[in-house]
Protein backbone atom coordinates (compact mmCIF):
# COMPACT_ATOMS: atom_id res chain seq x y z
CA MET A 1 28.53 -57.80 17.44
CA SER A 2 31.61 -58.60 15.56
CA ILE A 3 34.91 -59.31 17.46
CA GLU A 4 36.21 -56.25 16.10
CA LYS A 5 33.98 -54.15 17.65
CA ALA A 6 33.84 -55.94 20.90
CA GLY A 7 37.60 -55.85 20.74
CA THR A 8 37.78 -51.87 20.36
CA GLY A 9 35.03 -51.64 23.11
CA THR A 10 37.07 -53.52 25.36
CA LEU A 11 39.81 -51.24 24.95
CA ASP A 12 37.92 -48.25 25.06
CA MET A 13 36.71 -48.90 28.70
CA ALA A 14 40.37 -49.91 29.79
CA LEU A 15 41.56 -46.40 28.41
CA LYS A 16 38.75 -44.59 30.16
CA VAL A 17 39.40 -46.53 33.26
CA VAL A 18 43.26 -45.21 32.90
CA ASP A 19 42.23 -41.61 32.13
CA TYR A 20 39.92 -41.59 35.32
CA LEU A 21 42.56 -43.16 37.44
CA ALA A 22 44.62 -40.35 36.21
CA GLY A 23 42.27 -37.78 37.04
CA GLN A 24 41.85 -38.56 40.98
CA SER A 25 43.77 -37.17 43.70
CA GLN A 26 44.02 -40.31 45.77
CA PRO A 27 43.36 -44.26 45.03
CA VAL A 28 39.93 -45.18 44.64
CA ALA A 29 37.80 -48.16 45.51
CA LEU A 30 36.49 -50.54 42.84
CA ALA A 31 32.73 -49.99 43.70
CA GLN A 32 33.70 -46.12 43.13
CA ILE A 33 35.11 -46.87 39.37
CA ALA A 34 32.81 -49.10 38.44
CA LYS A 35 29.91 -46.35 39.73
CA ALA A 36 31.82 -43.59 37.65
CA PHE A 37 31.13 -45.87 34.61
CA SER A 38 27.73 -47.44 35.25
CA ALA A 39 29.49 -50.76 35.19
CA SER A 40 29.45 -53.97 37.18
CA LYS A 41 32.22 -54.46 39.31
CA ALA A 42 33.32 -57.63 37.79
CA THR A 43 33.51 -55.77 34.15
CA ILE A 44 35.79 -53.26 35.88
CA TYR A 45 38.05 -55.70 38.03
CA ARG A 46 38.90 -57.35 34.65
CA HIS A 47 40.06 -54.37 32.94
CA LEU A 48 42.19 -53.46 36.29
CA VAL A 49 43.65 -56.75 36.33
CA THR A 50 45.28 -56.56 32.81
CA LEU A 51 46.03 -52.83 33.31
CA GLU A 52 47.99 -54.04 36.53
CA ARG A 53 49.79 -56.55 34.75
CA HIS A 54 51.23 -54.38 32.52
CA GLY A 55 52.13 -51.70 35.22
CA PHE A 56 49.50 -49.01 34.03
CA VAL A 57 47.19 -49.55 37.37
CA ARG A 58 48.57 -50.47 40.87
CA GLN A 59 46.41 -51.77 43.89
CA ASP A 60 47.12 -50.63 47.06
CA LYS A 61 47.69 -53.92 49.43
CA GLU A 62 46.50 -52.45 52.33
CA THR A 63 43.30 -50.67 51.20
CA SER A 64 42.73 -52.44 47.94
CA ARG A 65 42.24 -49.12 46.15
CA TYR A 66 43.57 -48.72 42.74
CA GLU A 67 45.70 -45.40 41.35
CA PRO A 68 48.09 -45.00 38.30
CA GLY A 69 50.94 -47.20 38.00
CA VAL A 70 54.64 -46.49 37.25
CA LYS A 71 54.60 -47.36 33.60
CA LEU A 72 52.31 -44.15 33.32
CA LEU A 73 54.94 -42.14 34.85
CA VAL A 74 57.60 -43.60 32.58
CA LEU A 75 55.64 -43.49 29.01
CA GLY A 76 54.83 -39.96 30.18
CA GLU A 77 58.29 -38.89 30.61
CA ALA A 78 59.16 -40.61 27.45
CA VAL A 79 56.63 -38.64 25.38
CA ARG A 80 57.82 -35.61 27.01
CA ASN A 81 61.10 -35.68 26.01
CA ARG A 82 59.71 -35.78 22.45
CA PHE A 83 58.40 -32.44 23.02
CA ASP A 84 61.45 -30.38 22.26
CA VAL A 85 59.61 -27.13 23.88
CA ALA A 86 58.93 -28.84 27.18
CA THR A 87 62.37 -30.23 27.46
CA ALA A 88 63.96 -26.77 26.69
CA ALA A 89 61.65 -24.65 29.06
CA ARG A 90 61.55 -26.47 32.25
CA GLN A 91 64.69 -24.63 33.87
CA GLU A 92 63.14 -21.28 32.44
CA VAL A 93 59.57 -22.10 33.58
CA SER A 94 60.72 -23.04 36.97
CA LEU A 95 62.68 -19.61 37.25
CA LEU A 96 59.89 -17.83 36.08
CA GLY A 97 57.85 -19.07 38.76
CA GLU A 98 60.23 -18.19 41.41
CA ARG A 99 60.49 -14.36 40.26
CA THR A 100 57.02 -13.85 39.64
CA GLY A 101 55.49 -16.12 42.32
CA GLN A 102 52.79 -17.24 39.91
CA ALA A 103 51.66 -20.26 38.43
CA VAL A 104 53.23 -21.12 34.84
CA THR A 105 52.44 -23.23 32.14
CA ILE A 106 53.96 -24.02 28.76
CA CYS A 107 51.02 -24.84 25.79
CA ARG A 108 51.72 -26.37 22.32
CA MET A 109 49.13 -27.04 19.55
CA ILE A 110 48.99 -30.91 19.18
CA ASP A 111 46.68 -32.31 16.62
CA GLU A 112 44.65 -29.34 16.22
CA ARG A 113 44.33 -29.00 20.04
CA LEU A 114 46.19 -26.46 22.41
CA VAL A 115 47.24 -28.60 25.16
CA VAL A 116 49.15 -27.83 28.36
CA LEU A 117 52.94 -29.64 28.46
CA ASP A 118 54.00 -28.33 31.63
CA LEU A 119 52.51 -26.56 35.02
CA ILE A 120 54.41 -25.31 37.64
CA HIS A 121 52.51 -24.13 40.66
CA GLY A 122 53.00 -20.33 42.14
CA ARG A 123 53.15 -19.28 45.77
CA THR A 124 49.91 -17.95 46.18
CA VAL A 125 47.21 -19.41 48.00
CA ILE A 126 45.38 -20.65 44.74
CA GLU A 127 46.29 -23.86 42.94
CA PHE A 128 44.83 -24.26 39.43
CA GLY A 129 43.59 -27.77 38.58
CA THR A 130 44.94 -27.39 35.21
CA ARG A 131 47.55 -30.56 34.38
CA PRO A 132 49.63 -31.73 31.54
CA GLY A 133 47.44 -32.87 29.00
CA THR A 134 44.71 -30.46 29.76
CA GLU A 135 42.98 -29.15 26.37
CA LEU A 136 42.60 -24.96 26.59
CA SER A 137 40.06 -22.97 24.75
CA VAL A 138 41.93 -21.19 21.79
CA HIS A 139 39.82 -17.78 21.79
CA ALA A 140 39.39 -17.26 25.41
CA THR A 141 42.88 -17.79 26.81
CA ALA A 142 46.15 -15.93 26.59
CA HIS A 143 48.07 -18.76 25.18
CA GLY A 144 44.99 -19.64 22.70
CA LYS A 145 45.60 -15.74 21.40
CA VAL A 146 49.15 -16.13 21.18
CA TRP A 147 48.64 -19.03 18.94
CA LEU A 148 45.94 -17.12 16.82
CA ALA A 149 48.11 -14.46 16.44
CA TYR A 150 51.19 -15.88 15.19
CA GLY A 151 49.92 -19.30 13.83
CA ASP A 152 48.59 -20.63 10.73
CA GLU A 153 45.76 -18.37 9.37
CA GLU A 154 43.52 -21.51 9.42
CA LEU A 155 43.40 -21.69 12.97
CA PHE A 156 41.18 -18.70 12.73
CA GLY A 157 38.92 -19.96 10.47
CA ARG A 158 38.90 -23.35 12.27
CA ILE A 159 37.57 -22.02 15.46
CA THR A 160 35.53 -19.31 14.36
CA SER A 161 33.48 -21.95 11.81
CA ASP A 162 31.13 -22.45 14.88
CA ALA A 163 29.79 -19.93 17.43
CA LEU A 164 32.63 -19.21 20.13
CA LYS A 165 31.43 -20.42 23.69
CA ALA A 166 31.03 -17.83 26.28
CA TRP A 167 33.03 -18.96 29.35
CA THR A 168 32.11 -15.97 31.14
CA PRO A 169 30.37 -12.25 30.59
CA GLN A 170 34.12 -11.25 29.55
CA THR A 171 34.71 -13.98 26.84
CA ILE A 172 35.37 -12.75 23.35
CA VAL A 173 32.68 -14.29 21.17
CA ASP A 174 32.48 -11.84 18.18
CA PRO A 175 35.05 -13.04 15.27
CA THR A 176 35.61 -9.44 14.23
CA ALA A 177 36.63 -8.55 17.72
CA LEU A 178 38.86 -11.61 18.14
CA ARG A 179 40.66 -10.56 14.94
CA THR A 180 41.09 -6.97 16.36
CA GLU A 181 42.60 -8.81 19.63
CA MET A 182 45.01 -10.51 17.24
CA GLU A 183 46.33 -7.53 15.67
CA LEU A 184 46.86 -5.95 19.24
CA VAL A 185 49.05 -9.32 20.43
CA ARG A 186 51.10 -8.98 17.21
CA ARG A 187 51.77 -5.25 18.11
CA ARG A 188 52.60 -5.82 21.43
CA GLY A 189 54.04 -9.51 21.72
CA PHE A 190 51.95 -10.79 24.37
CA ALA A 191 48.44 -11.67 25.20
CA ILE A 192 46.20 -11.54 28.03
CA ALA A 193 42.61 -12.88 28.93
CA PRO A 194 41.30 -11.25 32.38
CA ASP A 195 37.76 -12.91 33.63
CA GLU A 196 37.79 -14.37 29.86
CA LEU A 197 37.91 -18.18 30.94
CA ILE A 198 37.34 -18.09 34.82
CA THR A 199 36.20 -14.77 36.51
CA ALA A 200 39.02 -13.02 38.39
CA VAL A 201 41.71 -15.26 36.76
CA ASN A 202 43.91 -13.67 34.15
CA ALA A 203 47.24 -15.08 32.27
CA LEU A 204 49.89 -13.50 30.72
CA ALA A 205 51.26 -14.97 27.48
CA ALA A 206 54.15 -14.67 25.11
CA PRO A 207 55.10 -16.83 22.10
CA ILE A 208 58.10 -19.16 21.67
CA PHE A 209 59.54 -19.64 18.12
CA ASP A 210 61.95 -22.28 16.47
CA HIS A 211 64.96 -21.92 14.00
CA SER A 212 62.49 -20.99 11.06
CA ASN A 213 60.91 -18.49 13.17
CA ALA A 214 57.52 -20.61 13.52
CA ILE A 215 55.69 -20.46 16.81
CA VAL A 216 56.28 -23.60 18.30
CA GLY A 217 55.09 -23.15 21.87
CA SER A 218 53.85 -20.78 24.26
CA VAL A 219 54.65 -19.76 28.05
CA ALA A 220 52.35 -17.98 30.27
CA ILE A 221 51.98 -16.71 33.91
CA VAL A 222 48.47 -17.68 35.53
CA GLY A 223 46.94 -16.17 38.72
CA ALA A 224 43.99 -14.40 40.45
CA THR A 225 43.35 -10.76 38.75
CA GLN A 226 44.62 -9.15 42.31
CA PHE A 227 48.12 -10.84 41.21
CA ILE A 228 47.85 -10.23 37.44
CA PRO A 229 45.95 -7.26 37.00
CA ALA A 230 43.96 -6.87 33.43
CA VAL A 231 46.54 -4.13 32.55
CA PRO A 232 49.75 -6.43 33.84
CA LYS A 233 52.85 -4.79 35.66
CA PRO A 234 55.70 -3.89 33.26
CA GLU A 235 58.10 -6.30 35.12
CA GLN A 236 55.40 -9.18 34.72
CA ILE A 237 55.20 -8.22 30.71
CA GLU A 238 59.01 -8.28 30.62
CA GLU A 239 59.64 -11.27 32.68
CA VAL A 240 56.93 -13.54 30.73
CA VAL A 241 58.43 -11.84 27.28
CA ALA A 242 62.16 -12.42 27.97
CA THR A 243 61.60 -16.14 29.34
CA ALA A 244 59.84 -16.84 25.93
CA ARG A 245 62.79 -15.24 23.99
CA ARG A 246 65.41 -17.36 26.00
CA ILE A 247 63.43 -20.41 25.45
CA SER A 248 62.87 -19.43 21.92
CA GLU A 249 66.90 -18.89 21.29
CA ARG A 250 67.30 -22.79 23.34
CA ILE A 251 65.68 -24.37 19.92
CA GLY A 252 67.44 -22.33 17.39
CA TRP A 253 65.46 -19.14 17.14
CA ARG A 254 67.59 -15.68 16.38
CA SER A 255 66.71 -12.33 17.03
CA ASN A 256 68.00 -10.87 13.75
CA GLN A 257 65.93 -13.13 11.66
């Protein structure tokens, strides 16, 4: 094996360890991390020592368990501030969550992937495992439908070049039906996806535009169909669409364009 390949492999493992720790709800033992990657404890320990030295990982001195380090938080906030949509939307997202009682998400297309930029949990008993950085399905989510309706035409062609995944029996997997759904979204200005990604869960999303009237983000409320029915309440639609409009105005969009 060449030195280049060995180095790349080492970095690959270190990044996987960081990603693994970031996804855990509590500190993890060395043995558990090693088991997760089918690697020896000695190998994983060497990665952890290096990551800890640079602040990407920290070890609890009492339990000897590992968790993400403060450096990840610092870098995450620095990167978050580069995305104007997330920064501009922060206050509006919190207010939307307070007014509706539902979880609120902000999404953006990054490197041809639909990614969650921010999540505010609602006041219901249900909490969603989605976190910033999560990639969402384009054809099976309200966020994705908004991007299909208002984004580049090539997005539709790219996701329909292969068979569309049926996440649930209600997922739209026929390209013609999906095209019809896009036209409906454009006519009414918002998208919904009841039972399409997860059974008994719905989302209501609206587009965020910049000064050039191009879509740069989407905002949605997410909750059980008990709270966000397949035909959303008029006040829910009004809240989400109005929130998207205010965020758009914050980043330069004008309604008379």
